[in-house]
Structure formats: structure tokens, C-alpha cells
Amino acid sequence: MHLKRVRLLPEQYPTKIHFPFNLDIFCETTDLVLASPIPFFVGENGTGKSTFLQAISNRCRIHLWKDNDRCTLEANPYEELPL
């Protein structure tokens, strides 16, 4: 999969004062053009890089595996869920 563009719609955010919607990347960016197949996201800690990538993956229906807080739309028979 190669995304060429990401469009943000700040007018549709549920809030503009709570995290992550209050981060500059979500407030000040409306379009992000991904000209190459391997983009780099560089910035200071806490600027929303990981949150932005999680939002993209959620929108593209890509499940990110984590150690905790697992949330999937469909059961995965290969994943051990805590009881």
C-alpha cells in the first residue's frame, strides 16, 4: 500500500482542546502529500508523530499489534487475548 496524500478534517474533530486533537499536527495541518513510498516523520517528543501514524493506520484498517489495550474489529485466532 502506498498512500499519496493524507487529508485532515479539523472541522470534524469531536474537540479541539483535548489530546490528541489539540496537537499542532492536527490543528495546523489540513493536507500532507507523501511524495515518496518511504516517508520519514521527524519531530520532538510529544508532537504527535506516533499518534498521527496510528490515526492513519486506523483509517486504513491496519491493525497495530501492541502489548496492551488490544482492540480489533474481528477476532484473530493467532493472538492470545488476556482473560
N, C-alpha and C. Protein backbone atom coordinates (compact mmCIF):
# COMPACT_ATOMS: atom_id res chain seq x y z
N MET A 1 0.84 -1.16 0.00
CA MET A 1 0.00 0.00 0.00
C MET A 1 0.90 1.24 0.00
N HIS A 2 0.56 2.20 -0.82
CA HIS A 2 1.30 3.46 -0.87
C HIS A 2 0.29 4.60 -0.83
N LEU A 3 0.28 5.29 0.29
CA LEU A 3 -0.58 6.46 0.41
C LEU A 3 0.12 7.63 -0.27
N LYS A 4 -0.62 8.36 -1.06
CA LYS A 4 -0.06 9.51 -1.74
C LYS A 4 -0.41 10.82 -1.05
N ARG A 5 -1.47 10.78 -0.26
CA ARG A 5 -1.93 12.01 0.38
C ARG A 5 -2.76 11.66 1.59
N VAL A 6 -2.62 12.46 2.63
CA VAL A 6 -3.45 12.34 3.82
C VAL A 6 -4.13 13.69 4.02
N ARG A 7 -5.45 13.66 4.11
CA ARG A 7 -6.20 14.89 4.32
C ARG A 7 -6.81 14.86 5.72
N LEU A 8 -6.55 15.91 6.47
CA LEU A 8 -7.11 16.03 7.82
C LEU A 8 -8.32 16.96 7.77
N LEU A 9 -9.31 16.65 8.57
CA LEU A 9 -10.54 17.45 8.60
C LEU A 9 -10.78 17.98 10.01
N PRO A 10 -10.05 19.04 10.39
CA PRO A 10 -10.15 19.55 11.76
C PRO A 10 -11.56 19.98 12.15
N GLU A 11 -12.35 20.40 11.18
CA GLU A 11 -13.72 20.82 11.49
C GLU A 11 -14.60 19.66 11.95
N GLN A 12 -14.15 18.44 11.74
CA GLN A 12 -14.93 17.27 12.16
C GLN A 12 -14.42 16.64 13.45
N TYR A 13 -13.39 17.21 14.07
CA TYR A 13 -12.89 16.66 15.32
C TYR A 13 -13.93 16.83 16.41
N PRO A 14 -14.03 15.87 17.32
CA PRO A 14 -15.01 15.98 18.41
C PRO A 14 -14.67 17.07 19.41
N THR A 15 -13.41 17.45 19.50
CA THR A 15 -12.96 18.51 20.40
C THR A 15 -11.68 19.09 19.86
N LYS A 16 -11.37 20.32 20.25
CA LYS A 16 -10.10 20.92 19.85
C LYS A 16 -9.25 21.25 21.05
N ILE A 17 -9.73 20.90 22.25
CA ILE A 17 -8.98 21.24 23.46
C ILE A 17 -8.39 20.02 24.15
N HIS A 18 -8.75 18.82 23.70
CA HIS A 18 -8.25 17.59 24.33
C HIS A 18 -7.30 16.86 23.39
N PHE A 19 -6.35 16.13 24.01
CA PHE A 19 -5.40 15.30 23.28
C PHE A 19 -6.15 14.22 22.52
N PRO A 20 -5.80 13.88 21.33
CA PRO A 20 -4.69 14.37 20.51
C PRO A 20 -5.10 15.52 19.59
N PHE A 21 -6.36 15.92 19.66
CA PHE A 21 -6.86 16.93 18.71
C PHE A 21 -6.29 18.31 18.96
N ASN A 22 -5.65 18.51 20.10
CA ASN A 22 -5.05 19.81 20.39
C ASN A 22 -3.59 19.89 19.95
N LEU A 23 -3.04 18.82 19.39
CA LEU A 23 -1.66 18.83 18.89
C LEU A 23 -1.57 19.66 17.62
N ASP A 24 -0.45 20.35 17.47
CA ASP A 24 -0.26 21.22 16.30
C ASP A 24 -0.46 20.48 14.98
N ILE A 25 0.03 19.23 14.91
CA ILE A 25 -0.09 18.49 13.65
C ILE A 25 -1.55 18.32 13.23
N PHE A 26 -2.45 18.22 14.19
CA PHE A 26 -3.86 18.06 13.87
C PHE A 26 -4.58 19.40 13.72
N CYS A 27 -4.09 20.44 14.39
CA CYS A 27 -4.73 21.76 14.32
C CYS A 27 -4.28 22.58 13.12
N GLU A 28 -3.02 22.46 12.74
CA GLU A 28 -2.45 23.35 11.74
C GLU A 28 -2.23 22.68 10.38
N THR A 29 -2.48 21.39 10.29
CA THR A 29 -2.24 20.68 9.04
C THR A 29 -3.56 20.21 8.46
N THR A 30 -3.80 20.50 7.18
CA THR A 30 -5.01 20.00 6.53
C THR A 30 -4.68 18.99 5.45
N ASP A 31 -3.48 19.08 4.88
CA ASP A 31 -3.06 18.17 3.82
C ASP A 31 -1.61 17.77 4.04
N LEU A 32 -1.33 16.51 3.79
CA LEU A 32 0.04 16.03 3.85
C LEU A 32 0.27 15.17 2.61
N VAL A 33 1.14 15.64 1.73
CA VAL A 33 1.45 14.91 0.50
C VAL A 33 2.64 14.01 0.76
N LEU A 34 2.47 12.73 0.47
CA LEU A 34 3.53 11.73 0.66
C LEU A 34 4.09 11.40 -0.72
N ALA A 35 5.11 12.14 -1.12
CA ALA A 35 5.65 12.04 -2.48
C ALA A 35 6.48 10.79 -2.70
N SER A 36 7.06 10.23 -1.66
CA SER A 36 7.88 9.03 -1.83
C SER A 36 7.24 7.87 -1.06
N PRO A 37 7.54 6.64 -1.47
CA PRO A 37 6.92 5.49 -0.80
C PRO A 37 7.42 5.25 0.62
N ILE A 38 8.52 5.90 1.01
CA ILE A 38 9.05 5.73 2.36
C ILE A 38 9.20 7.12 2.99
N PRO A 39 8.14 7.62 3.63
CA PRO A 39 8.25 8.93 4.27
C PRO A 39 8.92 8.82 5.64
N PHE A 40 9.48 9.89 6.10
CA PHE A 40 10.06 9.97 7.44
C PHE A 40 9.30 11.02 8.22
N PHE A 41 8.92 10.69 9.45
CA PHE A 41 8.27 11.64 10.33
C PHE A 41 9.26 11.99 11.43
N VAL A 42 9.70 13.23 11.43
CA VAL A 42 10.72 13.69 12.35
C VAL A 42 10.15 14.83 13.18
N GLY A 43 10.41 14.79 14.47
CA GLY A 43 9.95 15.88 15.32
C GLY A 43 10.29 15.61 16.77
N GLU A 44 10.09 16.61 17.59
CA GLU A 44 10.34 16.50 19.02
C GLU A 44 9.37 15.50 19.65
N ASN A 45 9.76 14.97 20.81
CA ASN A 45 8.87 14.10 21.56
C ASN A 45 7.58 14.85 21.91
N GLY A 46 6.46 14.15 21.78
CA GLY A 46 5.19 14.75 22.15
C GLY A 46 4.53 15.60 21.08
N THR A 47 5.07 15.58 19.86
CA THR A 47 4.48 16.40 18.80
C THR A 47 3.42 15.67 18.00
N GLY A 48 3.21 14.37 18.27
CA GLY A 48 2.12 13.64 17.62
C GLY A 48 2.50 12.73 16.48
N LYS A 49 3.77 12.42 16.33
CA LYS A 49 4.20 11.54 15.23
C LYS A 49 3.54 10.17 15.32
N SER A 50 3.66 9.52 16.47
CA SER A 50 3.07 8.18 16.64
C SER A 50 1.56 8.23 16.60
N THR A 51 0.97 9.25 17.19
CA THR A 51 -0.49 9.40 17.18
C THR A 51 -0.99 9.58 15.76
N PHE A 52 -0.26 10.36 14.97
CA PHE A 52 -0.63 10.57 13.57
C PHE A 52 -0.56 9.27 12.78
N LEU A 53 0.51 8.49 12.99
CA LEU A 53 0.63 7.20 12.29
C LEU A 53 -0.45 6.22 12.74
N GLN A 54 -0.82 6.25 14.01
CA GLN A 54 -1.92 5.40 14.49
C GLN A 54 -3.24 5.81 13.85
N ALA A 55 -3.47 7.10 13.70
CA ALA A 55 -4.69 7.57 13.05
C ALA A 55 -4.75 7.12 11.60
N ILE A 56 -3.62 7.19 10.90
CA ILE A 56 -3.57 6.72 9.51
C ILE A 56 -3.86 5.23 9.45
N SER A 57 -3.24 4.46 10.34
CA SER A 57 -3.45 3.01 10.32
C SER A 57 -4.90 2.65 10.64
N ASN A 58 -5.50 3.38 11.57
CA ASN A 58 -6.92 3.13 11.89
C ASN A 58 -7.81 3.40 10.68
N ARG A 59 -7.55 4.50 10.02
CA ARG A 59 -8.37 4.87 8.85
C ARG A 59 -8.20 3.86 7.71
N CYS A 60 -6.99 3.32 7.57
CA CYS A 60 -6.71 2.34 6.52
C CYS A 60 -7.07 0.91 6.96
N ARG A 61 -7.60 0.79 8.16
CA ARG A 61 -7.98 -0.51 8.73
C ARG A 61 -6.79 -1.45 8.86
N ILE A 62 -5.67 -0.89 9.26
CA ILE A 62 -4.47 -1.67 9.53
C ILE A 62 -4.37 -1.82 11.04
N HIS A 63 -4.38 -3.05 11.51
CA HIS A 63 -4.32 -3.30 12.95
C HIS A 63 -2.88 -3.25 13.43
N LEU A 64 -2.62 -2.42 14.42
CA LEU A 64 -1.30 -2.36 15.04
C LEU A 64 -1.29 -3.25 16.27
N TRP A 65 -0.41 -4.19 16.30
CA TRP A 65 -0.31 -5.08 17.45
C TRP A 65 0.45 -4.39 18.55
N LYS A 66 -0.08 -4.45 19.74
CA LYS A 66 0.56 -3.85 20.90
C LYS A 66 0.58 -4.88 22.02
N ASP A 67 1.33 -4.58 23.05
CA ASP A 67 1.35 -5.48 24.20
C ASP A 67 0.08 -5.37 25.03
N ASN A 68 -0.48 -4.17 25.12
CA ASN A 68 -1.67 -3.94 25.94
C ASN A 68 -2.74 -3.24 25.13
N ASP A 69 -3.91 -3.16 25.71
CA ASP A 69 -5.03 -2.42 25.11
C ASP A 69 -5.34 -2.89 23.69
N ARG A 70 -5.49 -4.17 23.50
CA ARG A 70 -5.77 -4.70 22.18
C ARG A 70 -7.23 -4.45 21.83
N CYS A 71 -7.45 -3.96 20.64
CA CYS A 71 -8.79 -3.66 20.18
C CYS A 71 -8.84 -4.01 18.70
N THR A 72 -9.64 -5.01 18.36
CA THR A 72 -9.74 -5.41 16.96
C THR A 72 -11.20 -5.47 16.55
N LEU A 73 -11.43 -5.33 15.27
CA LEU A 73 -12.78 -5.43 14.74
C LEU A 73 -13.20 -6.89 14.60
N GLU A 74 -12.26 -7.75 14.31
CA GLU A 74 -12.53 -9.17 14.14
C GLU A 74 -11.58 -9.97 15.02
N ALA A 75 -12.05 -11.09 15.51
CA ALA A 75 -11.21 -11.94 16.35
C ALA A 75 -10.04 -12.48 15.53
N ASN A 76 -8.89 -12.52 16.14
CA ASN A 76 -7.69 -13.05 15.49
C ASN A 76 -7.34 -14.35 16.19
N PRO A 77 -7.46 -15.50 15.51
CA PRO A 77 -7.18 -16.78 16.16
C PRO A 77 -5.71 -16.97 16.52
N TYR A 78 -4.82 -16.13 16.00
CA TYR A 78 -3.40 -16.26 16.26
C TYR A 78 -2.92 -15.36 17.40
N GLU A 79 -3.83 -14.59 17.95
CA GLU A 79 -3.48 -13.66 19.01
C GLU A 79 -4.07 -14.15 20.32
N GLU A 80 -3.23 -14.22 21.35
CA GLU A 80 -3.71 -14.64 22.67
C GLU A 80 -4.26 -13.42 23.38
N LEU A 81 -5.51 -13.45 23.71
CA LEU A 81 -6.14 -12.34 24.42
C LEU A 81 -6.12 -12.62 25.92
N PRO A 82 -5.92 -11.59 26.73
CA PRO A 82 -5.97 -11.80 28.18
C PRO A 82 -7.38 -12.18 28.62
N LEU A 83 -7.47 -13.00 29.68
CA LEU A 83 -8.78 -13.43 30.18
C LEU A 83 -9.47 -12.36 30.95
